[in-house]
């Protein structure tokens, strides 16, 4: 199975990184930025609409 990676960006400090959706929670669950400690739903950290779609598809939403 091929691994998927999505781009994340903190809506508060603009820190950017990539993550494997297998290592992430459901899109509606609270997620925290390791750089500035902002806490919001994970869906708000997806950088693009496509990243959000991949996250939703991965978690069966």
PDB file of N, CA and C in Angstrom:
ATOM      1  N   UNK A   1       0.838  -1.187   0.000  1.00  0.00           N
ATOM      2  CA  UNK A   1       0.000   0.000   0.000  1.00  0.00           C
ATOM      3  C   UNK A   1       0.881   1.248   0.000  1.00  0.00           C
ATOM      4  N   UNK A   2       0.531   2.194  -0.829  1.00  0.00           N
ATOM      5  CA  UNK A   2       1.294   3.429  -0.948  1.00  0.00           C
ATOM      6  C   UNK A   2       0.913   4.395   0.175  1.00  0.00           C
ATOM      7  N   UNK A   3       1.898   5.059   0.739  1.00  0.00           N
ATOM      8  CA  UNK A   3       1.621   6.018   1.799  1.00  0.00           C
ATOM      9  C   UNK A   3       1.128   7.328   1.213  1.00  0.00           C
ATOM     10  N   UNK A   4       0.247   7.984   1.935  1.00  0.00           N
ATOM     11  CA  UNK A   4      -0.265   9.295   1.535  1.00  0.00           C
ATOM     12  C   UNK A   4       0.297  10.340   2.484  1.00  0.00           C
ATOM     13  N   UNK A   5       0.554  11.500   1.965  1.00  0.00           N
ATOM     14  CA  UNK A   5       1.020  12.616   2.780  1.00  0.00           C
ATOM     15  C   UNK A   5       0.167  13.818   2.453  1.00  0.00           C
ATOM     16  N   UNK A   6      -0.191  14.580   3.475  1.00  0.00           N
ATOM     17  CA  UNK A   6      -0.944  15.801   3.258  1.00  0.00           C
ATOM     18  C   UNK A   6      -0.156  16.967   3.855  1.00  0.00           C
ATOM     19  N   UNK A   7      -0.448  18.155   3.342  1.00  0.00           N
ATOM     20  CA  UNK A   7       0.203  19.358   3.840  1.00  0.00           C
ATOM     21  C   UNK A   7      -0.675  19.986   4.915  1.00  0.00           C
ATOM     22  N   UNK A   8      -0.045  20.374   5.995  1.00  0.00           N
ATOM     23  CA  UNK A   8      -0.738  21.058   7.081  1.00  0.00           C
ATOM     24  C   UNK A   8      -0.113  22.434   7.263  1.00  0.00           C
ATOM     25  N   UNK A   9      -0.934  23.383   7.697  1.00  0.00           N
ATOM     26  CA  UNK A   9      -0.442  24.728   7.980  1.00  0.00           C
ATOM     27  C   UNK A   9      -1.218  25.279   9.159  1.00  0.00           C
ATOM     28  N   UNK A  10      -0.500  25.765  10.153  1.00  0.00           N
ATOM     29  CA  UNK A  10      -1.148  26.336  11.324  1.00  0.00           C
ATOM     30  C   UNK A  10      -1.865  27.628  10.926  1.00  0.00           C
ATOM     31  N   UNK A  11      -3.155  27.751  11.251  1.00  0.00           N
ATOM     32  CA  UNK A  11      -3.883  28.972  10.902  1.00  0.00           C
ATOM     33  C   UNK A  11      -3.462  30.196  11.721  1.00  0.00           C
ATOM     34  N   UNK A  12      -2.703  29.973  12.786  1.00  0.00           N
ATOM     35  CA  UNK A  12      -2.284  31.108  13.615  1.00  0.00           C
ATOM     36  C   UNK A  12      -0.859  31.568  13.334  1.00  0.00           C
ATOM     37  N   UNK A  13       0.102  30.629  13.271  1.00  0.00           N
ATOM     38  CA  UNK A  13       1.505  31.035  13.097  1.00  0.00           C
ATOM     39  C   UNK A  13       2.042  30.746  11.693  1.00  0.00           C
ATOM     40  N   UNK A  14       1.251  30.085  10.842  1.00  0.00           N
ATOM     41  CA  UNK A  14       1.617  29.746   9.458  1.00  0.00           C
ATOM     42  C   UNK A  14       2.728  28.720   9.333  1.00  0.00           C
ATOM     43  N   UNK A  15       3.100  28.044  10.424  1.00  0.00           N
ATOM     44  CA  UNK A  15       4.079  26.954  10.343  1.00  0.00           C
ATOM     45  C   UNK A  15       3.505  25.885   9.413  1.00  0.00           C
ATOM     46  N   UNK A  16       4.346  25.313   8.542  1.00  0.00           N
ATOM     47  CA  UNK A  16       3.898  24.304   7.587  1.00  0.00           C
ATOM     48  C   UNK A  16       4.670  23.016   7.779  1.00  0.00           C
ATOM     49  N   UNK A  17       3.993  21.876   7.554  1.00  0.00           N
ATOM     50  CA  UNK A  17       4.631  20.579   7.614  1.00  0.00           C
ATOM     51  C   UNK A  17       3.778  19.571   6.861  1.00  0.00           C
ATOM     52  N   UNK A  18       4.307  18.371   6.679  1.00  0.00           N
ATOM     53  CA  UNK A  18       3.567  17.287   6.045  1.00  0.00           C
ATOM     54  C   UNK A  18       3.307  16.206   7.075  1.00  0.00           C
ATOM     55  N   UNK A  19       2.213  15.473   6.877  1.00  0.00           N
ATOM     56  CA  UNK A  19       1.874  14.389   7.795  1.00  0.00           C
ATOM     57  C   UNK A  19       1.183  13.273   7.029  1.00  0.00           C
ATOM     58  N   UNK A  20       1.318  12.085   7.556  1.00  0.00           N
ATOM     59  CA  UNK A  20       0.633  10.926   7.007  1.00  0.00           C
ATOM     60  C   UNK A  20      -0.752  10.875   7.655  1.00  0.00           C
ATOM     61  N   UNK A  21      -1.830  10.828   6.874  1.00  0.00           N
ATOM     62  CA  UNK A  21      -3.164  10.796   7.473  1.00  0.00           C
ATOM     63  C   UNK A  21      -3.370   9.633   8.439  1.00  0.00           C
ATOM     64  N   UNK A  22      -2.610   8.555   8.275  1.00  0.00           N
ATOM     65  CA  UNK A  22      -2.719   7.411   9.190  1.00  0.00           C
ATOM     66  C   UNK A  22      -2.286   7.783  10.603  1.00  0.00           C
ATOM     67  N   UNK A  23      -1.463   8.815  10.716  1.00  0.00           N
ATOM     68  CA  UNK A  23      -0.969   9.246  12.017  1.00  0.00           C
ATOM     69  C   UNK A  23      -1.825  10.349  12.639  1.00  0.00           C
ATOM     70  N   UNK A  24      -2.888  10.753  11.943  1.00  0.00           N
ATOM     71  CA  UNK A  24      -3.715  11.871  12.398  1.00  0.00           C
ATOM     72  C   UNK A  24      -5.083  11.388  12.866  1.00  0.00           C
ATOM     73  N   UNK A  25      -5.768  12.276  13.600  1.00  0.00           N
ATOM     74  CA  UNK A  25      -7.101  12.003  14.115  1.00  0.00           C
ATOM     75  C   UNK A  25      -8.155  12.321  13.059  1.00  0.00           C
ATOM     76  N   UNK A  26      -9.400  12.156  13.438  1.00  0.00           N
ATOM     77  CA  UNK A  26     -10.529  12.549  12.593  1.00  0.00           C
ATOM     78  C   UNK A  26     -10.464  14.065  12.360  1.00  0.00           C
ATOM     79  N   UNK A  27     -10.972  14.554  11.215  1.00  0.00           N
ATOM     80  CA  UNK A  27     -10.901  15.986  10.905  1.00  0.00           C
ATOM     81  C   UNK A  27     -11.534  16.908  11.946  1.00  0.00           C
ATOM     82  N   UNK A  28     -12.578  16.458  12.643  1.00  0.00           N
ATOM     83  CA  UNK A  28     -13.260  17.321  13.611  1.00  0.00           C
ATOM     84  C   UNK A  28     -12.590  17.344  14.988  1.00  0.00           C
ATOM     85  N   UNK A  29     -11.658  16.432  15.238  1.00  0.00           N
ATOM     86  CA  UNK A  29     -11.008  16.382  16.552  1.00  0.00           C
ATOM     87  C   UNK A  29     -10.005  17.518  16.721  1.00  0.00           C
ATOM     88  N   UNK A  30      -9.818  17.931  17.951  1.00  0.00           N
ATOM     89  CA  UNK A  30      -8.891  19.019  18.262  1.00  0.00           C
ATOM     90  C   UNK A  30      -7.456  18.584  17.986  1.00  0.00           C
ATOM     91  N   UNK A  31      -6.713  19.485  17.380  1.00  0.00           N
ATOM     92  CA  UNK A  31      -5.327  19.248  17.006  1.00  0.00           C
ATOM     93  C   UNK A  31      -4.515  20.438  17.489  1.00  0.00           C
ATOM     94  N   UNK A  32      -3.273  20.214  17.868  1.00  0.00           N
ATOM     95  CA  UNK A  32      -2.449  21.301  18.365  1.00  0.00           C
ATOM     96  C   UNK A  32      -1.191  21.505  17.538  1.00  0.00           C
ATOM     97  N   UNK A  33      -0.858  22.744  17.270  1.00  0.00           N
ATOM     98  CA  UNK A  33       0.375  23.100  16.571  1.00  0.00           C
ATOM     99  C   UNK A  33       1.533  22.943  17.552  1.00  0.00           C
ATOM    100  N   UNK A  34       2.556  22.221  17.141  1.00  0.00           N
ATOM    101  CA  UNK A  34       3.719  22.027  18.017  1.00  0.00           C
ATOM    102  C   UNK A  34       4.571  23.286  18.125  1.00  0.00           C
ATOM    103  N   UNK A  35       4.406  24.213  17.179  1.00  0.00           N
ATOM    104  CA  UNK A  35       5.224  25.425  17.176  1.00  0.00           C
ATOM    105  C   UNK A  35       4.651  26.504  18.102  1.00  0.00           C
ATOM    106  N   UNK A  36       3.350  26.807  17.935  1.00  0.00           N
ATOM    107  CA  UNK A  36       2.755  27.888  18.743  1.00  0.00           C
ATOM    108  C   UNK A  36       1.699  27.393  19.720  1.00  0.00           C
ATOM    109  N   UNK A  37       1.407  26.093  19.695  1.00  0.00           N
ATOM    110  CA  UNK A  37       0.453  25.458  20.594  1.00  0.00           C
ATOM    111  C   UNK A  37      -1.006  25.866  20.358  1.00  0.00           C
ATOM    112  N   UNK A  38      -1.309  26.426  19.169  1.00  0.00           N
ATOM    113  CA  UNK A  38      -2.701  26.736  18.830  1.00  0.00           C
ATOM    114  C   UNK A  38      -3.482  25.427  18.798  1.00  0.00           C
ATOM    115  N   UNK A  39      -4.722  25.474  19.249  1.00  0.00           N
ATOM    116  CA  UNK A  39      -5.557  24.268  19.264  1.00  0.00           C
ATOM    117  C   UNK A  39      -6.861  24.574  18.538  1.00  0.00           C
ATOM    118  N   UNK A  40      -7.107  23.774  17.493  1.00  0.00           N
ATOM    119  CA  UNK A  40      -8.312  23.926  16.673  1.00  0.00           C
ATOM    120  C   UNK A  40      -8.660  22.571  16.087  1.00  0.00           C
ATOM    121  N   UNK A  41      -9.832  22.453  15.444  1.00  0.00           N
ATOM    122  CA  UNK A  41     -10.125  21.203  14.754  1.00  0.00           C
ATOM    123  C   UNK A  41      -9.059  20.927  13.688  1.00  0.00           C
ATOM    124  N   UNK A  42      -8.677  19.681  13.535  1.00  0.00           N
ATOM    125  CA  UNK A  42      -7.656  19.300  12.564  1.00  0.00           C
ATOM    126  C   UNK A  42      -7.992  19.808  11.174  1.00  0.00           C
ATOM    127  N   UNK A  43      -9.263  19.825  10.811  1.00  0.00           N
ATOM    128  CA  UNK A  43      -9.667  20.280   9.479  1.00  0.00           C
ATOM    129  C   UNK A  43      -9.183  21.703   9.182  1.00  0.00           C
ATOM    130  N   UNK A  44      -9.020  22.529  10.200  1.00  0.00           N
ATOM    131  CA  UNK A  44      -8.553  23.902   9.990  1.00  0.00           C
ATOM    132  C   UNK A  44      -7.058  23.978   9.711  1.00  0.00           C
ATOM    133  N   UNK A  45      -6.340  22.878   9.919  1.00  0.00           N
ATOM    134  CA  UNK A  45      -4.903  22.845   9.662  1.00  0.00           C
ATOM    135  C   UNK A  45      -4.567  22.347   8.259  1.00  0.00           C
ATOM    136  N   UNK A  46      -5.537  21.764   7.535  1.00  0.00           N
ATOM    137  CA  UNK A  46      -5.226  21.282   6.190  1.00  0.00           C
ATOM    138  C   UNK A  46      -4.964  22.478   5.292  1.00  0.00           C
ATOM    139  N   UNK A  47      -3.874  22.402   4.528  1.00  0.00           N
ATOM    140  CA  UNK A  47      -3.445  23.554   3.748  1.00  0.00           C
ATOM    141  C   UNK A  47      -4.332  23.804   2.532  1.00  0.00           C
ATOM    142  N   UNK A  48      -4.770  22.747   1.867  1.00  0.00           N
ATOM    143  CA  UNK A  48      -5.590  22.898   0.669  1.00  0.00           C
ATOM    144  C   UNK A  48      -6.875  22.100   0.801  1.00  0.00           C
ATOM    145  N   UNK A  49      -7.808  22.380  -0.078  1.00  0.00           N
ATOM    146  CA  UNK A  49      -9.055  21.622  -0.098  1.00  0.00           C
ATOM    147  C   UNK A  49      -8.774  20.152  -0.395  1.00  0.00           C
ATOM    148  N   UNK A  50      -7.813  19.888  -1.263  1.00  0.00           N
ATOM    149  CA  UNK A  50      -7.475  18.503  -1.597  1.00  0.00           C
ATOM    150  C   UNK A  50      -6.899  17.773  -0.381  1.00  0.00           C
ATOM    151  N   UNK A  51      -6.063  18.455   0.410  1.00  0.00           N
ATOM    152  CA  UNK A  51      -5.537  17.847   1.633  1.00  0.00           C
ATOM    153  C   UNK A  51      -6.686  17.466   2.567  1.00  0.00           C
ATOM    154  N   UNK A  52      -7.682  18.330   2.677  1.00  0.00           N
ATOM    155  CA  UNK A  52      -8.843  18.046   3.515  1.00  0.00           C
ATOM    156  C   UNK A  52      -9.612  16.843   2.971  1.00  0.00           C
ATOM    157  N   UNK A  53      -9.796  16.791   1.652  1.00  0.00           N
ATOM    158  CA  UNK A  53     -10.504  15.655   1.035  1.00  0.00           C
ATOM    159  C   UNK A  53      -9.782  14.339   1.320  1.00  0.00           C
ATOM    160  N   UNK A  54      -8.463  14.340   1.199  1.00  0.00           N
ATOM    161  CA  UNK A  54      -7.685  13.125   1.460  1.00  0.00           C
ATOM    162  C   UNK A  54      -7.862  12.703   2.914  1.00  0.00           C
ATOM    163  N   UNK A  55      -7.796  13.647   3.828  1.00  0.00           N
ATOM    164  CA  UNK A  55      -7.973  13.343   5.251  1.00  0.00           C
ATOM    165  C   UNK A  55      -9.356  12.747   5.507  1.00  0.00           C
ATOM    166  N   UNK A  56     -10.392  13.356   4.925  1.00  0.00           N
ATOM    167  CA  UNK A  56     -11.748  12.833   5.092  1.00  0.00           C
ATOM    168  C   UNK A  56     -11.886  11.431   4.515  1.00  0.00           C
ATOM    169  N   UNK A  57     -11.351  11.232   3.301  1.00  0.00           N
ATOM    170  CA  UNK A  57     -11.432   9.914   2.646  1.00  0.00           C
ATOM    171  C   UNK A  57     -10.716   8.862   3.476  1.00  0.00           C
ATOM    172  N   UNK A  58      -9.580   9.223   4.025  1.00  0.00           N
ATOM    173  CA  UNK A  58      -8.789   8.271   4.801  1.00  0.00           C
ATOM    174  C   UNK A  58      -9.542   7.812   6.044  1.00  0.00           C
ATOM    175  N   UNK A  59     -10.270   8.733   6.646  1.00  0.00           N
ATOM    176  CA  UNK A  59     -10.974   8.420   7.887  1.00  0.00           C
ATOM    177  C   UNK A  59     -12.414   8.008   7.653  1.00  0.00           C
ATOM    178  N   UNK A  60     -12.786   7.839   6.393  1.00  0.00           N
ATOM    179  CA  UNK A  60     -14.124   7.331   6.069  1.00  0.00           C
ATOM    180  C   UNK A  60     -15.266   8.268   6.360  1.00  0.00           C
ATOM    181  N   UNK A  61     -14.993   9.559   6.383  1.00  0.00           N
ATOM    182  CA  UNK A  61     -16.067  10.535   6.670  1.00  0.00           C
ATOM    183  C   UNK A  61     -16.895  10.807   5.439  1.00  0.00           C
TER     184      UNK A  61
END
